[in-house]
Amino acid sequence: MPLFSPIQTHMIARLALLACMVPALIAAAPKPGSGPLQARSQGVEQTSATYPLEQLAGVLGELHALAFACQGSGAQSWRRRMEEMLSLEAPDGAMRQRLISRFNEGFRQHQQRRTRCGAETEMEAQRLALQGQALSETLRRNYAD
């Protein structure tokens, strides 16, 4: 008899993914008291996405666009995180398409802004990281609590 049921195994995989994403988002987030960004990013920005998972996909798309623009085409870490999330949360079906659409929408939004690399990009990445961290924490609470 297996140690975990299929539902428990899926939930463990989801928690593992969130456990992997939170440190990456925390590492990109600003340190406490490091600037004015802290006050702006207390809450999660409202977007057209209905679910936190869709919002997180959009944030990952925006982070990927920033990395891609400033570090080049080899910067694929945020895209890989998105692929991990898709494999666990939506291997197929309508939800997968919604998540991919949100990721691509986030990417396109940043491409249109033409952000200059440097301090401006660092501040934007920190804001997005805080937003992603808050969404990840919301998802963790929904799954774990």
N, C-alpha and C. Protein backbone atom coordinates (compact mmCIF):
# COMPACT_ATOMS: atom_id res chain seq x y z
N MET A 1 0.85 -1.18 0.00
CA MET A 1 0.00 0.00 0.00
C MET A 1 0.89 1.24 0.00
N PRO A 2 0.60 2.22 -0.87
CA PRO A 2 1.44 3.41 -0.93
C PRO A 2 1.35 4.22 0.36
N LEU A 3 2.43 4.93 0.63
CA LEU A 3 2.51 5.75 1.83
C LEU A 3 1.52 6.91 1.78
N PHE A 4 1.35 7.52 0.59
CA PHE A 4 0.44 8.65 0.42
C PHE A 4 -0.55 8.35 -0.69
N SER A 5 -1.76 8.88 -0.53
CA SER A 5 -2.76 8.76 -1.58
C SER A 5 -2.38 9.68 -2.73
N PRO A 6 -2.96 9.50 -3.93
CA PRO A 6 -2.65 10.40 -5.05
C PRO A 6 -2.95 11.87 -4.73
N ILE A 7 -4.01 12.13 -3.99
CA ILE A 7 -4.35 13.52 -3.62
C ILE A 7 -3.29 14.08 -2.68
N GLN A 8 -2.85 13.28 -1.72
CA GLN A 8 -1.82 13.74 -0.80
C GLN A 8 -0.50 13.98 -1.54
N THR A 9 -0.19 13.11 -2.48
CA THR A 9 1.04 13.26 -3.26
C THR A 9 1.01 14.55 -4.05
N HIS A 10 -0.15 14.86 -4.66
CA HIS A 10 -0.27 16.10 -5.43
C HIS A 10 -0.13 17.31 -4.52
N MET A 11 -0.73 17.27 -3.34
CA MET A 11 -0.64 18.39 -2.41
C MET A 11 0.80 18.57 -1.94
N ILE A 12 1.51 17.48 -1.69
CA ILE A 12 2.91 17.56 -1.28
C ILE A 12 3.75 18.19 -2.40
N ALA A 13 3.46 17.82 -3.65
CA ALA A 13 4.18 18.40 -4.79
C ALA A 13 3.91 19.90 -4.89
N ARG A 14 2.68 20.31 -4.66
CA ARG A 14 2.34 21.75 -4.71
C ARG A 14 3.10 22.51 -3.62
N LEU A 15 3.10 21.95 -2.41
CA LEU A 15 3.81 22.60 -1.31
C LEU A 15 5.30 22.67 -1.60
N ALA A 16 5.85 21.63 -2.21
CA ALA A 16 7.26 21.63 -2.56
C ALA A 16 7.56 22.73 -3.58
N LEU A 17 6.68 22.90 -4.56
CA LEU A 17 6.87 23.97 -5.55
C LEU A 17 6.85 25.33 -4.86
N LEU A 18 5.88 25.55 -4.00
CA LEU A 18 5.80 26.82 -3.30
C LEU A 18 7.03 27.03 -2.42
N ALA A 19 7.50 25.95 -1.80
CA ALA A 19 8.70 26.04 -0.97
C ALA A 19 9.91 26.44 -1.80
N CYS A 20 9.95 26.02 -3.06
CA CYS A 20 11.04 26.41 -3.96
C CYS A 20 10.89 27.84 -4.45
N MET A 21 9.67 28.29 -4.67
CA MET A 21 9.44 29.63 -5.22
C MET A 21 9.64 30.72 -4.18
N VAL A 22 9.22 30.48 -2.96
CA VAL A 22 9.29 31.51 -1.93
C VAL A 22 10.73 31.97 -1.70
N PRO A 23 11.72 31.06 -1.55
CA PRO A 23 13.09 31.55 -1.35
C PRO A 23 13.60 32.39 -2.53
N ALA A 24 13.24 32.02 -3.76
CA ALA A 24 13.68 32.80 -4.92
C ALA A 24 13.06 34.19 -4.88
N LEU A 25 11.80 34.27 -4.50
CA LEU A 25 11.14 35.57 -4.42
C LEU A 25 11.67 36.38 -3.25
N ILE A 26 11.96 35.72 -2.14
CA ILE A 26 12.52 36.42 -0.98
C ILE A 26 13.90 36.96 -1.31
N ALA A 27 14.70 36.18 -2.02
CA ALA A 27 16.05 36.63 -2.39
C ALA A 27 15.99 37.87 -3.26
N ALA A 28 14.98 37.97 -4.10
CA ALA A 28 14.85 39.12 -4.99
C ALA A 28 14.19 40.31 -4.30
N ALA A 29 13.56 40.08 -3.16
CA ALA A 29 12.85 41.15 -2.46
C ALA A 29 13.83 42.05 -1.72
N PRO A 30 13.44 43.31 -1.50
CA PRO A 30 14.32 44.22 -0.77
C PRO A 30 14.41 43.83 0.70
N LYS A 31 15.49 44.21 1.33
CA LYS A 31 15.67 43.96 2.76
C LYS A 31 14.83 44.97 3.53
N PRO A 32 14.36 44.62 4.74
CA PRO A 32 13.54 45.56 5.51
C PRO A 32 14.24 46.90 5.71
N GLY A 33 13.48 47.96 5.49
CA GLY A 33 14.00 49.29 5.69
C GLY A 33 14.95 49.76 4.60
N SER A 34 15.00 49.08 3.46
CA SER A 34 15.97 49.45 2.44
C SER A 34 15.46 50.49 1.45
N GLY A 35 14.27 51.00 1.65
CA GLY A 35 13.83 52.04 0.73
C GLY A 35 12.34 52.25 0.73
N PRO A 36 11.88 53.16 -0.09
CA PRO A 36 10.48 53.54 -0.12
C PRO A 36 9.58 52.49 -0.72
N LEU A 37 10.15 51.47 -1.32
CA LEU A 37 9.36 50.44 -1.96
C LEU A 37 8.49 49.69 -0.95
N GLN A 38 8.99 49.59 0.27
CA GLN A 38 8.31 48.82 1.29
C GLN A 38 6.88 49.28 1.51
N ALA A 39 6.66 50.55 1.60
CA ALA A 39 5.33 51.06 1.86
C ALA A 39 4.39 50.79 0.69
N ARG A 40 4.89 50.86 -0.53
CA ARG A 40 4.05 50.66 -1.70
C ARG A 40 3.61 49.21 -1.87
N SER A 41 4.41 48.28 -1.40
CA SER A 41 4.13 46.89 -1.72
C SER A 41 3.56 46.09 -0.56
N GLN A 42 2.89 46.74 0.36
CA GLN A 42 2.29 46.04 1.48
C GLN A 42 1.22 45.06 1.03
N GLY A 43 0.37 45.45 0.09
CA GLY A 43 -0.68 44.58 -0.39
C GLY A 43 -0.36 44.07 -1.77
N VAL A 44 -1.08 43.05 -2.17
CA VAL A 44 -0.90 42.50 -3.50
C VAL A 44 -1.67 43.36 -4.49
N GLU A 45 -1.01 43.77 -5.55
CA GLU A 45 -1.64 44.61 -6.56
C GLU A 45 -2.80 43.85 -7.21
N GLN A 46 -3.91 44.53 -7.37
CA GLN A 46 -5.06 43.91 -8.01
C GLN A 46 -4.87 43.89 -9.51
N THR A 47 -5.11 42.76 -10.11
CA THR A 47 -5.01 42.64 -11.56
C THR A 47 -6.31 42.04 -12.07
N SER A 48 -6.36 41.80 -13.37
CA SER A 48 -7.56 41.22 -13.95
C SER A 48 -7.66 39.72 -13.66
N ALA A 49 -6.61 39.12 -13.12
CA ALA A 49 -6.65 37.69 -12.81
C ALA A 49 -7.55 37.46 -11.61
N THR A 50 -8.29 36.37 -11.67
CA THR A 50 -9.22 36.04 -10.60
C THR A 50 -8.53 35.31 -9.46
N TYR A 51 -7.63 34.42 -9.76
CA TYR A 51 -7.02 33.56 -8.77
C TYR A 51 -5.57 33.96 -8.49
N PRO A 52 -5.12 33.76 -7.24
CA PRO A 52 -3.72 34.08 -6.93
C PRO A 52 -2.73 33.34 -7.83
N LEU A 53 -3.06 32.13 -8.22
CA LEU A 53 -2.17 31.37 -9.09
C LEU A 53 -2.00 32.06 -10.44
N GLU A 54 -3.08 32.61 -10.97
CA GLU A 54 -3.00 33.35 -12.23
C GLU A 54 -2.21 34.64 -12.04
N GLN A 55 -2.41 35.32 -10.93
CA GLN A 55 -1.65 36.54 -10.64
C GLN A 55 -0.17 36.21 -10.54
N LEU A 56 0.15 35.10 -9.88
CA LEU A 56 1.54 34.68 -9.75
C LEU A 56 2.16 34.39 -11.12
N ALA A 57 1.40 33.79 -12.01
CA ALA A 57 1.89 33.54 -13.37
C ALA A 57 2.23 34.86 -14.06
N GLY A 58 1.40 35.88 -13.88
CA GLY A 58 1.67 37.19 -14.46
C GLY A 58 2.94 37.82 -13.89
N VAL A 59 3.13 37.69 -12.58
CA VAL A 59 4.32 38.22 -11.93
C VAL A 59 5.57 37.51 -12.47
N LEU A 60 5.49 36.19 -12.61
CA LEU A 60 6.62 35.44 -13.15
C LEU A 60 6.94 35.89 -14.58
N GLY A 61 5.91 36.18 -15.36
CA GLY A 61 6.13 36.69 -16.72
C GLY A 61 6.83 38.04 -16.70
N GLU A 62 6.42 38.92 -15.79
CA GLU A 62 7.07 40.22 -15.69
C GLU A 62 8.52 40.09 -15.25
N LEU A 63 8.77 39.23 -14.26
CA LEU A 63 10.14 39.01 -13.81
C LEU A 63 10.99 38.42 -14.93
N HIS A 64 10.41 37.52 -15.71
CA HIS A 64 11.14 36.93 -16.84
C HIS A 64 11.49 38.01 -17.86
N ALA A 65 10.57 38.92 -18.14
CA ALA A 65 10.83 39.99 -19.10
C ALA A 65 11.97 40.89 -18.63
N LEU A 66 11.99 41.22 -17.35
CA LEU A 66 13.07 42.06 -16.81
C LEU A 66 14.41 41.35 -16.93
N ALA A 67 14.45 40.09 -16.53
CA ALA A 67 15.70 39.34 -16.61
C ALA A 67 16.14 39.17 -18.06
N PHE A 68 15.21 38.88 -18.93
CA PHE A 68 15.50 38.67 -20.34
C PHE A 68 16.07 39.95 -20.96
N ALA A 69 15.48 41.10 -20.63
CA ALA A 69 15.92 42.37 -21.19
C ALA A 69 17.30 42.78 -20.68
N CYS A 70 17.58 42.53 -19.42
CA CYS A 70 18.82 43.02 -18.82
C CYS A 70 19.94 42.00 -18.77
N GLN A 71 19.60 40.71 -18.77
CA GLN A 71 20.63 39.68 -18.67
C GLN A 71 20.78 38.88 -19.95
N GLY A 72 19.88 39.09 -20.89
CA GLY A 72 19.98 38.40 -22.17
C GLY A 72 19.09 37.17 -22.24
N SER A 73 19.13 36.54 -23.41
CA SER A 73 18.24 35.41 -23.67
C SER A 73 18.57 34.18 -22.82
N GLY A 74 19.73 34.15 -22.22
CA GLY A 74 20.09 33.01 -21.36
C GLY A 74 19.42 33.05 -20.00
N ALA A 75 18.83 34.17 -19.63
CA ALA A 75 18.16 34.32 -18.33
C ALA A 75 16.80 33.63 -18.40
N GLN A 76 16.76 32.41 -17.94
CA GLN A 76 15.54 31.60 -18.04
C GLN A 76 15.01 31.11 -16.70
N SER A 77 15.55 31.61 -15.59
CA SER A 77 15.16 31.05 -14.29
C SER A 77 13.68 31.26 -13.98
N TRP A 78 13.12 32.44 -14.30
CA TRP A 78 11.71 32.68 -14.00
C TRP A 78 10.82 31.88 -14.94
N ARG A 79 11.25 31.69 -16.15
CA ARG A 79 10.50 30.86 -17.10
C ARG A 79 10.48 29.40 -16.63
N ARG A 80 11.62 28.94 -16.12
CA ARG A 80 11.68 27.57 -15.59
C ARG A 80 10.76 27.41 -14.38
N ARG A 81 10.69 28.43 -13.54
CA ARG A 81 9.77 28.38 -12.39
C ARG A 81 8.33 28.26 -12.87
N MET A 82 8.02 28.98 -13.93
CA MET A 82 6.68 28.91 -14.51
C MET A 82 6.41 27.51 -15.04
N GLU A 83 7.37 26.92 -15.72
CA GLU A 83 7.21 25.56 -16.25
C GLU A 83 6.98 24.56 -15.12
N GLU A 84 7.69 24.73 -14.00
CA GLU A 84 7.49 23.87 -12.83
C GLU A 84 6.07 24.01 -12.30
N MET A 85 5.62 25.27 -12.20
CA MET A 85 4.28 25.52 -11.70
C MET A 85 3.24 24.88 -12.62
N LEU A 86 3.43 25.02 -13.93
CA LEU A 86 2.50 24.42 -14.88
C LEU A 86 2.46 22.90 -14.75
N SER A 87 3.60 22.28 -14.60
CA SER A 87 3.63 20.82 -14.52
C SER A 87 2.89 20.30 -13.29
N LEU A 88 2.91 21.07 -12.21
CA LEU A 88 2.22 20.64 -10.99
C LEU A 88 0.77 21.09 -10.92
N GLU A 89 0.51 22.30 -11.33
CA GLU A 89 -0.82 22.88 -11.16
C GLU A 89 -1.76 22.64 -12.33
N ALA A 90 -1.21 22.62 -13.53
CA ALA A 90 -2.07 22.54 -14.71
C ALA A 90 -1.35 21.84 -15.85
N PRO A 91 -1.19 20.53 -15.74
CA PRO A 91 -0.48 19.81 -16.80
C PRO A 91 -1.19 19.89 -18.15
N ASP A 92 -2.50 20.13 -18.14
CA ASP A 92 -3.25 20.30 -19.38
C ASP A 92 -4.56 21.01 -19.07
N GLY A 93 -5.30 21.35 -20.12
CA GLY A 93 -6.63 21.92 -19.93
C GLY A 93 -6.67 23.44 -19.92
N ALA A 94 -7.86 23.94 -19.56
CA ALA A 94 -8.15 25.37 -19.62
C ALA A 94 -7.31 26.17 -18.62
N MET A 95 -7.10 25.63 -17.43
CA MET A 95 -6.30 26.36 -16.43
C MET A 95 -4.88 26.55 -16.94
N ARG A 96 -4.32 25.55 -17.59
CA ARG A 96 -2.97 25.67 -18.15
C ARG A 96 -2.93 26.83 -19.15
N GLN A 97 -3.93 26.90 -20.01
CA GLN A 97 -3.96 27.97 -21.01
C GLN A 97 -4.10 29.34 -20.35
N ARG A 98 -4.89 29.43 -19.28
CA ARG A 98 -5.04 30.71 -18.57
C ARG A 98 -3.71 31.13 -17.93
N LEU A 99 -3.02 30.17 -17.32
CA LEU A 99 -1.74 30.49 -16.69
C LEU A 99 -0.70 30.93 -17.72
N ILE A 100 -0.65 30.24 -18.85
CA ILE A 100 0.28 30.61 -19.92
C ILE A 100 -0.07 32.00 -20.44
N SER A 101 -1.35 32.27 -20.62
CA SER A 101 -1.78 33.59 -21.10
C SER A 101 -1.37 34.69 -20.13
N ARG A 102 -1.53 34.44 -18.84
CA ARG A 102 -1.15 35.44 -17.82
C ARG A 102 0.36 35.66 -17.82
N PHE A 103 1.15 34.59 -17.95
CA PHE A 103 2.61 34.71 -18.01
C PHE A 103 3.00 35.56 -19.22
N ASN A 104 2.43 35.23 -20.37
CA ASN A 104 2.75 35.96 -21.60
C ASN A 104 2.29 37.41 -21.52
N GLU A 105 1.15 37.65 -20.90
CA GLU A 105 0.66 39.01 -20.72
C GLU A 105 1.61 39.83 -19.85
N GLY A 106 2.08 39.22 -18.76
CA GLY A 106 3.05 39.90 -17.90
C GLY A 106 4.34 40.20 -18.64
N PHE A 107 4.79 39.26 -19.45
CA PHE A 107 6.00 39.46 -20.24
C PHE A 107 5.81 40.63 -21.21
N ARG A 108 4.69 40.64 -21.93
CA ARG A 108 4.42 41.70 -22.91
C ARG A 108 4.29 43.07 -22.25
N GLN A 109 3.69 43.12 -21.08
CA GLN A 109 3.55 44.40 -20.37
C GLN A 109 4.91 45.04 -20.14
N HIS A 110 5.86 44.23 -19.74
CA HIS A 110 7.19 44.78 -19.48
C HIS A 110 7.96 45.08 -20.75
N GLN A 111 7.73 44.33 -21.78
CA GLN A 111 8.38 44.65 -23.05
C GLN A 111 7.93 46.01 -23.55
N GLN A 112 6.68 46.35 -23.36
CA GLN A 112 6.14 47.62 -23.82
C GLN A 112 6.68 48.80 -23.02
N ARG A 113 7.05 48.57 -21.78
CA ARG A 113 7.55 49.65 -20.93
C ARG A 113 8.97 50.08 -21.28
N ARG A 114 9.72 49.19 -21.88
CA ARG A 114 11.11 49.46 -22.25
C ARG A 114 11.90 50.00 -21.05
N THR A 115 11.86 49.26 -19.98
CA THR A 115 12.56 49.64 -18.76
C THR A 115 14.07 49.64 -19.01
N ARG A 116 14.73 50.69 -18.55
CA ARG A 116 16.19 50.75 -18.66
C ARG A 116 16.80 49.89 -17.56
N CYS A 117 17.80 49.13 -17.92
CA CYS A 117 18.47 48.28 -16.95
C CYS A 117 19.27 49.16 -15.98
N GLY A 118 19.31 48.73 -14.74
CA GLY A 118 20.01 49.48 -13.71
C GLY A 118 19.14 49.60 -12.48
N ALA A 119 19.23 50.73 -11.81
CA ALA A 119 18.49 50.94 -10.56
C ALA A 119 16.99 50.85 -10.76
N GLU A 120 16.51 51.38 -11.88
CA GLU A 120 15.07 51.32 -12.17
C GLU A 120 14.58 49.87 -12.26
N THR A 121 15.36 49.05 -12.92
CA THR A 121 15.01 47.64 -13.07
C THR A 121 15.07 46.92 -11.73
N GLU A 122 16.08 47.23 -10.93
CA GLU A 122 16.21 46.61 -9.61
C GLU A 122 15.00 46.93 -8.74
N MET A 123 14.57 48.19 -8.78
CA MET A 123 13.39 48.57 -7.98
C MET A 123 12.14 47.84 -8.46
N GLU A 124 11.99 47.72 -9.76
CA GLU A 124 10.83 47.02 -10.32
C GLU A 124 10.88 45.53 -9.97
N ALA A 125 12.06 44.93 -10.06
CA ALA A 125 12.20 43.51 -9.70
C ALA A 125 11.88 43.30 -8.22
N GLN A 126 12.30 44.22 -7.38
CA GLN A 126 11.99 44.11 -5.95
C GLN A 126 10.49 44.22 -5.70
N ARG A 127 9.84 45.15 -6.39
CA ARG A 127 8.39 45.29 -6.23
C ARG A 127 7.68 44.01 -6.67
N LEU A 128 8.08 43.48 -7.80
CA LEU A 128 7.47 42.24 -8.30
C LEU A 128 7.75 41.06 -7.38
N ALA A 129 8.97 41.01 -6.85
CA ALA A 129 9.32 39.92 -5.93
C ALA A 129 8.46 39.96 -4.68
N LEU A 130 8.22 41.15 -4.16
CA LEU A 130 7.35 41.28 -2.98
C LEU A 130 5.92 40.86 -3.31
N GLN A 131 5.47 41.24 -4.49
CA GLN A 131 4.13 40.86 -4.92
C GLN A 131 4.04 39.34 -5.06
N GLY A 132 5.03 38.74 -5.70
CA GLY A 132 5.06 37.28 -5.85
C GLY A 132 5.16 36.56 -4.53
N GLN A 133 5.94 37.14 -3.61
CA GLN A 133 6.08 36.55 -2.29
C GLN A 133 4.74 36.54 -1.56
N ALA A 134 4.01 37.64 -1.64
CA ALA A 134 2.70 37.72 -0.99
C ALA A 134 1.72 36.72 -1.61
N LEU A 135 1.75 36.59 -2.94
CA LEU A 135 0.88 35.62 -3.60
C LEU A 135 1.25 34.19 -3.22
N SER A 136 2.54 33.91 -3.16
CA SER A 136 3.00 32.57 -2.77
C SER A 136 2.56 32.24 -1.35
N GLU A 137 2.65 33.24 -0.48
CA GLU A 137 2.23 33.03 0.91
C GLU A 137 0.72 32.78 0.98
N THR A 138 -0.06 33.49 0.18
CA THR A 138 -1.50 33.26 0.13
C THR A 138 -1.79 31.84 -0.33
N LEU A 139 -1.11 31.40 -1.37
CA LEU A 139 -1.30 30.04 -1.87
C LEU A 139 -0.87 29.01 -0.84
N ARG A 140 0.25 29.27 -0.16
CA ARG A 140 0.73 28.33 0.87
C ARG A 140 -0.30 28.18 1.99
N ARG A 141 -0.85 29.33 2.41
CA ARG A 141 -1.86 29.28 3.47
C ARG A 141 -3.09 28.48 3.01
N ASN A 142 -3.50 28.67 1.76
CA ASN A 142 -4.66 27.94 1.24
C ASN A 142 -4.41 26.45 1.18
N TYR A 143 -3.19 26.05 0.88
CA TYR A 143 -2.89 24.61 0.76
C TYR A 143 -2.52 23.98 2.09
N ALA A 144 -1.78 24.71 2.91
CA ALA A 144 -1.20 24.11 4.11
C ALA A 144 -2.04 24.30 5.37
N ASP A 145 -2.80 25.35 5.44
CA ASP A 145 -3.54 25.61 6.68
C ASP A 145 -4.93 25.02 6.67
